[in-house]
Amino acid sequence: MGLHDFSKSYTPNENTEGKGFDPFNYSGMVQISGFRKEEGKYGERVVLELTVPPDIKDVGNRKIWKNYATDQKDAVERLCSDLFTAGLAYDFATPEAELKSFDGALNKMIRVRCSAWTPEKDRQGNEIPEEARNVVQTCRILSTKKTTKGATKTSAPF
C-alpha cells in the first residue's frame, strides 16, 4: 500500500484557517519541548520550542517557537540572555557543548509572557490600512525568580 492506494478512496477535507495557530495571550510556565539547531530558508538558526501545560484552560498544549539566527550577533545575544533569564546553563564553544546544552534544557519548565496585538502603524510610523493589518504574536522569556511589584533589595513583601 502506498500514496496512490491510500489517496484514491479518501475524500479530502478543506483546511480551515487558524486551526490551533491563532495568536493567544498567556503568562505562566511552559515546558521546553524542543531545542535544536536547524537549517532554514534564511540560514542556520536555533529553535526553542515551548509547550503550554495541557491543564491550562483555552491554551493548554499550545506551542510557541522562538527562533534565533546563528549568523546575527543580536540574535545570538538574545538567545544567551533568554537562556540566562530562564536559569538554564549553556555552552556554545563546541558542537559537543552545544548538543549538551540543547539536551540539558529539554523538559525544563520556564516562565514566559505571550501576547498578541495588531499594529496600526509600521516601523516608520506610517498608518497601515485596516485590511492590511496582521496580528503579531510575541513571547518573552521571564525570570523564574518571580518578584513582587514594588519590592526592592531593602524591602520585602511581608
C-alpha atoms as a PDB file:
ATOM      1  CA  MET A   1       0.000   0.000   0.000  1.00  0.00           C
ATOM      2  CA  GLY A   2       1.274   3.452  -0.848  1.00  0.00           C
ATOM      3  CA  LEU A   3       0.345   7.013  -1.635  1.00  0.00           C
ATOM      4  CA  HIS A   4      -1.733   6.055  -4.648  1.00  0.00           C
ATOM      5  CA  ASP A   5      -3.687   3.337  -2.793  1.00  0.00           C
ATOM      6  CA  PHE A   6      -4.495   5.476   0.231  1.00  0.00           C
ATOM      7  CA  SER A   7      -5.444   8.632  -1.677  1.00  0.00           C
ATOM      8  CA  LYS A   8      -7.837   7.108  -4.249  1.00  0.00           C
ATOM      9  CA  SER A   9     -10.549   6.315  -1.652  1.00  0.00           C
ATOM     10  CA  TYR A  10     -10.013   9.410   0.515  1.00  0.00           C
ATOM     11  CA  THR A  11     -12.369  12.388   0.433  1.00  0.00           C
ATOM     12  CA  PRO A  12     -10.298  15.434   1.399  1.00  0.00           C
ATOM     13  CA  ASN A  13     -11.431  17.998   3.955  1.00  0.00           C
ATOM     14  CA  GLU A  14     -10.814  21.686   3.395  1.00  0.00           C
ATOM     15  CA  ASN A  15      -8.235  23.110   5.798  1.00  0.00           C
ATOM     16  CA  THR A  16      -9.552  25.920   7.950  1.00  0.00           C
ATOM     17  CA  GLU A  17      -7.508  28.989   8.697  1.00  0.00           C
ATOM     18  CA  GLY A  18      -6.108  29.365  12.184  1.00  0.00           C
ATOM     19  CA  LYS A  19      -6.819  25.859  13.420  1.00  0.00           C
ATOM     20  CA  GLY A  20      -4.611  25.757  16.520  1.00  0.00           C
ATOM     21  CA  PHE A  21      -2.379  28.590  15.328  1.00  0.00           C
ATOM     22  CA  ASP A  22      -4.473  31.575  16.409  1.00  0.00           C
ATOM     23  CA  PRO A  23      -2.453  34.142  18.373  1.00  0.00           C
ATOM     24  CA  PHE A  24      -3.055  33.997  22.118  1.00  0.00           C
ATOM     25  CA  ASN A  25      -2.252  35.713  25.400  1.00  0.00           C
ATOM     26  CA  TYR A  26      -0.697  33.734  28.248  1.00  0.00           C
ATOM     27  CA  SER A  27       1.590  34.357  31.185  1.00  0.00           C
ATOM     28  CA  GLY A  28       2.980  31.408  33.119  1.00  0.00           C
ATOM     29  CA  MET A  29       5.108  28.303  32.956  1.00  0.00           C
ATOM     30  CA  VAL A  30       5.862  26.361  29.761  1.00  0.00           C
ATOM     31  CA  GLN A  31       7.886  23.232  29.081  1.00  0.00           C
ATOM     32  CA  ILE A  32      10.858  23.203  26.720  1.00  0.00           C
ATOM     33  CA  SER A  33       9.711  20.518  24.290  1.00  0.00           C
ATOM     34  CA  GLY A  34      12.402  21.104  21.678  1.00  0.00           C
ATOM     35  CA  PHE A  35      15.769  22.835  21.499  1.00  0.00           C
ATOM     36  CA  ARG A  36      17.807  22.329  18.361  1.00  0.00           C
ATOM     37  CA  LYS A  37      19.851  23.863  15.597  1.00  0.00           C
ATOM     38  CA  GLU A  38      18.484  23.609  12.061  1.00  0.00           C
ATOM     39  CA  GLU A  39      18.933  24.953   8.569  1.00  0.00           C
ATOM     40  CA  GLY A  40      16.088  27.130   7.386  1.00  0.00           C
ATOM     41  CA  LYS A  41      15.125  29.241   4.422  1.00  0.00           C
ATOM     42  CA  TYR A  42      17.230  32.121   5.739  1.00  0.00           C
ATOM     43  CA  GLY A  43      20.198  30.120   7.060  1.00  0.00           C
ATOM     44  CA  GLU A  44      21.097  28.350  10.261  1.00  0.00           C
ATOM     45  CA  ARG A  45      19.068  29.066  13.372  1.00  0.00           C
ATOM     46  CA  VAL A  46      18.492  27.776  16.873  1.00  0.00           C
ATOM     47  CA  VAL A  47      14.870  26.869  17.572  1.00  0.00           C
ATOM     48  CA  LEU A  48      13.457  26.854  21.087  1.00  0.00           C
ATOM     49  CA  GLU A  49      10.097  25.041  21.120  1.00  0.00           C
ATOM     50  CA  LEU A  50       7.877  25.670  24.143  1.00  0.00           C
ATOM     51  CA  THR A  51       4.635  23.909  25.120  1.00  0.00           C
ATOM     52  CA  VAL A  52       1.938  25.291  27.418  1.00  0.00           C
ATOM     53  CA  PRO A  53       0.929  22.659  30.029  1.00  0.00           C
ATOM     54  CA  PRO A  54      -2.193  20.693  28.991  1.00  0.00           C
ATOM     55  CA  ASP A  55      -4.225  21.688  32.055  1.00  0.00           C
ATOM     56  CA  ILE A  56      -4.204  25.434  31.230  1.00  0.00           C
ATOM     57  CA  LYS A  57      -7.705  26.484  30.151  1.00  0.00           C
ATOM     58  CA  ASP A  58      -8.073  27.551  26.498  1.00  0.00           C
ATOM     59  CA  VAL A  59      -4.335  27.429  25.674  1.00  0.00           C
ATOM     60  CA  GLY A  60      -3.221  24.025  27.027  1.00  0.00           C
ATOM     61  CA  ASN A  61      -0.820  22.153  24.711  1.00  0.00           C
ATOM     62  CA  ARG A  62      -0.290  25.241  22.523  1.00  0.00           C
ATOM     63  CA  LYS A  63       3.219  25.562  21.113  1.00  0.00           C
ATOM     64  CA  ILE A  64       5.438  28.601  20.828  1.00  0.00           C
ATOM     65  CA  TRP A  65       8.596  28.689  18.730  1.00  0.00           C
ATOM     66  CA  LYS A  66      11.392  31.161  19.324  1.00  0.00           C
ATOM     67  CA  ASN A  67      13.955  31.340  16.521  1.00  0.00           C
ATOM     68  CA  TYR A  68      17.456  32.780  16.790  1.00  0.00           C
ATOM     69  CA  ALA A  69      19.633  33.264  13.688  1.00  0.00           C
ATOM     70  CA  THR A  70      23.146  31.985  14.417  1.00  0.00           C
ATOM     71  CA  ASP A  71      24.781  34.414  11.969  1.00  0.00           C
ATOM     72  CA  GLN A  72      23.374  37.562  13.593  1.00  0.00           C
ATOM     73  CA  LYS A  73      25.103  38.903  16.690  1.00  0.00           C
ATOM     74  CA  ASP A  74      21.948  40.436  18.199  1.00  0.00           C
ATOM     75  CA  ALA A  75      20.015  37.155  17.773  1.00  0.00           C
ATOM     76  CA  VAL A  76      22.776  35.122  19.482  1.00  0.00           C
ATOM     77  CA  GLU A  77      22.921  37.697  22.287  1.00  0.00           C
ATOM     78  CA  ARG A  78      19.124  37.436  22.660  1.00  0.00           C
ATOM     79  CA  LEU A  79      19.393  33.619  22.843  1.00  0.00           C
ATOM     80  CA  CYS A  80      22.068  33.799  25.545  1.00  0.00           C
ATOM     81  CA  SER A  81      20.082  36.405  27.509  1.00  0.00           C
ATOM     82  CA  ASP A  82      16.883  34.338  27.241  1.00  0.00           C
ATOM     83  CA  LEU A  83      18.657  31.196  28.489  1.00  0.00           C
ATOM     84  CA  PHE A  84      20.320  33.138  31.325  1.00  0.00           C
ATOM     85  CA  THR A  85      16.993  34.740  32.299  1.00  0.00           C
ATOM     86  CA  ALA A  86      15.320  31.312  32.329  1.00  0.00           C
ATOM     87  CA  GLY A  87      18.090  29.979  34.587  1.00  0.00           C
ATOM     88  CA  LEU A  88      19.382  27.493  32.021  1.00  0.00           C
ATOM     89  CA  ALA A  89      23.058  26.600  31.664  1.00  0.00           C
ATOM     90  CA  TYR A  90      24.508  26.860  28.166  1.00  0.00           C
ATOM     91  CA  ASP A  91      27.843  26.448  26.411  1.00  0.00           C
ATOM     92  CA  PHE A  92      28.193  27.037  22.681  1.00  0.00           C
ATOM     93  CA  ALA A  93      32.013  26.748  22.494  1.00  0.00           C
ATOM     94  CA  THR A  94      31.995  23.460  20.545  1.00  0.00           C
ATOM     95  CA  PRO A  95      29.407  21.377  18.685  1.00  0.00           C
ATOM     96  CA  GLU A  96      29.533  18.813  21.523  1.00  0.00           C
ATOM     97  CA  ALA A  97      28.927  21.511  24.137  1.00  0.00           C
ATOM     98  CA  GLU A  98      26.014  22.880  22.064  1.00  0.00           C
ATOM     99  CA  LEU A  99      24.397  19.450  21.938  1.00  0.00           C
ATOM    100  CA  LYS A 100      24.839  19.035  25.691  1.00  0.00           C
ATOM    101  CA  SER A 101      23.196  22.443  26.244  1.00  0.00           C
ATOM    102  CA  PHE A 102      20.279  21.525  23.968  1.00  0.00           C
ATOM    103  CA  ASP A 103      19.765  18.136  25.652  1.00  0.00           C
ATOM    104  CA  GLY A 104      20.124  19.618  29.148  1.00  0.00           C
ATOM    105  CA  ALA A 105      17.293  22.105  28.557  1.00  0.00           C
ATOM    106  CA  LEU A 106      14.724  19.589  27.299  1.00  0.00           C
ATOM    107  CA  ASN A 107      11.648  19.152  29.504  1.00  0.00           C
ATOM    108  CA  LYS A 108      12.667  22.017  31.803  1.00  0.00           C
ATOM    109  CA  MET A 109       9.919  24.430  32.869  1.00  0.00           C
ATOM    110  CA  ILE A 110      10.451  28.145  32.250  1.00  0.00           C
ATOM    111  CA  ARG A 111       8.270  31.249  32.648  1.00  0.00           C
ATOM    112  CA  VAL A 112       7.004  33.269  29.668  1.00  0.00           C
ATOM    113  CA  ARG A 113       4.612  36.051  28.764  1.00  0.00           C
ATOM    114  CA  CYS A 114       2.907  35.694  25.380  1.00  0.00           C
ATOM    115  CA  SER A 115       0.793  38.408  23.863  1.00  0.00           C
ATOM    116  CA  ALA A 116      -0.923  39.132  20.599  1.00  0.00           C
ATOM    117  CA  TRP A 117      -1.531  42.589  19.164  1.00  0.00           C
ATOM    118  CA  THR A 118      -2.314  44.253  15.865  1.00  0.00           C
ATOM    119  CA  PRO A 119      -0.042  47.161  14.933  1.00  0.00           C
ATOM    120  CA  GLU A 120      -1.770  50.178  13.413  1.00  0.00           C
ATOM    121  CA  LYS A 121       1.487  51.742  12.145  1.00  0.00           C
ATOM    122  CA  ASP A 122       4.594  50.307  10.502  1.00  0.00           C
ATOM    123  CA  ARG A 123       8.147  50.742  11.855  1.00  0.00           C
ATOM    124  CA  GLN A 124       8.475  54.069  10.048  1.00  0.00           C
ATOM    125  CA  GLY A 125       5.311  55.400  11.720  1.00  0.00           C
ATOM    126  CA  ASN A 126       3.108  55.146   8.630  1.00  0.00           C
ATOM    127  CA  GLU A 127      -0.531  54.129   9.067  1.00  0.00           C
ATOM    128  CA  ILE A 128      -1.231  50.539   7.969  1.00  0.00           C
ATOM    129  CA  PRO A 129      -4.541  50.231   6.083  1.00  0.00           C
ATOM    130  CA  GLU A 130      -7.031  48.240   8.166  1.00  0.00           C
ATOM    131  CA  GLU A 131      -7.353  45.448   5.579  1.00  0.00           C
ATOM    132  CA  ALA A 132      -3.542  45.010   5.541  1.00  0.00           C
ATOM    133  CA  ARG A 133      -3.069  44.732   9.315  1.00  0.00           C
ATOM    134  CA  ASN A 134      -1.853  41.408  10.689  1.00  0.00           C
ATOM    135  CA  VAL A 135      -1.891  40.112  14.250  1.00  0.00           C
ATOM    136  CA  VAL A 136       1.597  39.765  15.751  1.00  0.00           C
ATOM    137  CA  GLN A 137       2.355  37.047  18.327  1.00  0.00           C
ATOM    138  CA  THR A 138       5.154  37.815  20.782  1.00  0.00           C
ATOM    139  CA  CYS A 139       6.732  35.721  23.522  1.00  0.00           C
ATOM    140  CA  ARG A 140       9.115  36.966  26.187  1.00  0.00           C
ATOM    141  CA  ILE A 141      11.081  34.652  28.455  1.00  0.00           C
ATOM    142  CA  LEU A 142      10.912  35.803  32.066  1.00  0.00           C
ATOM    143  CA  SER A 143      12.911  35.024  35.156  1.00  0.00           C
ATOM    144  CA  THR A 144      11.671  32.092  37.185  1.00  0.00           C
ATOM    145  CA  LYS A 145      12.502  34.171  40.252  1.00  0.00           C
ATOM    146  CA  LYS A 146       9.142  35.924  40.403  1.00  0.00           C
ATOM    147  CA  THR A 147       9.348  39.311  42.104  1.00  0.00           C
ATOM    148  CA  THR A 148       6.667  41.185  43.974  1.00  0.00           C
ATOM    149  CA  LYS A 149       5.736  44.525  42.445  1.00  0.00           C
ATOM    150  CA  GLY A 150       7.418  47.332  44.373  1.00  0.00           C
ATOM    151  CA  ALA A 151       9.854  45.074  46.247  1.00  0.00           C
ATOM    152  CA  THR A 152      13.454  46.275  46.442  1.00  0.00           C
ATOM    153  CA  LYS A 153      16.646  44.813  47.864  1.00  0.00           C
ATOM    154  CA  THR A 154      15.953  46.539  51.176  1.00  0.00           C
ATOM    155  CA  SER A 155      12.237  45.801  51.342  1.00  0.00           C
ATOM    156  CA  ALA A 156      10.218  42.618  51.463  1.00  0.00           C
ATOM    157  CA  PRO A 157       6.536  42.000  50.724  1.00  0.00           C
ATOM    158  CA  PHE A 158       5.910  40.593  54.247  1.00  0.00           C
END
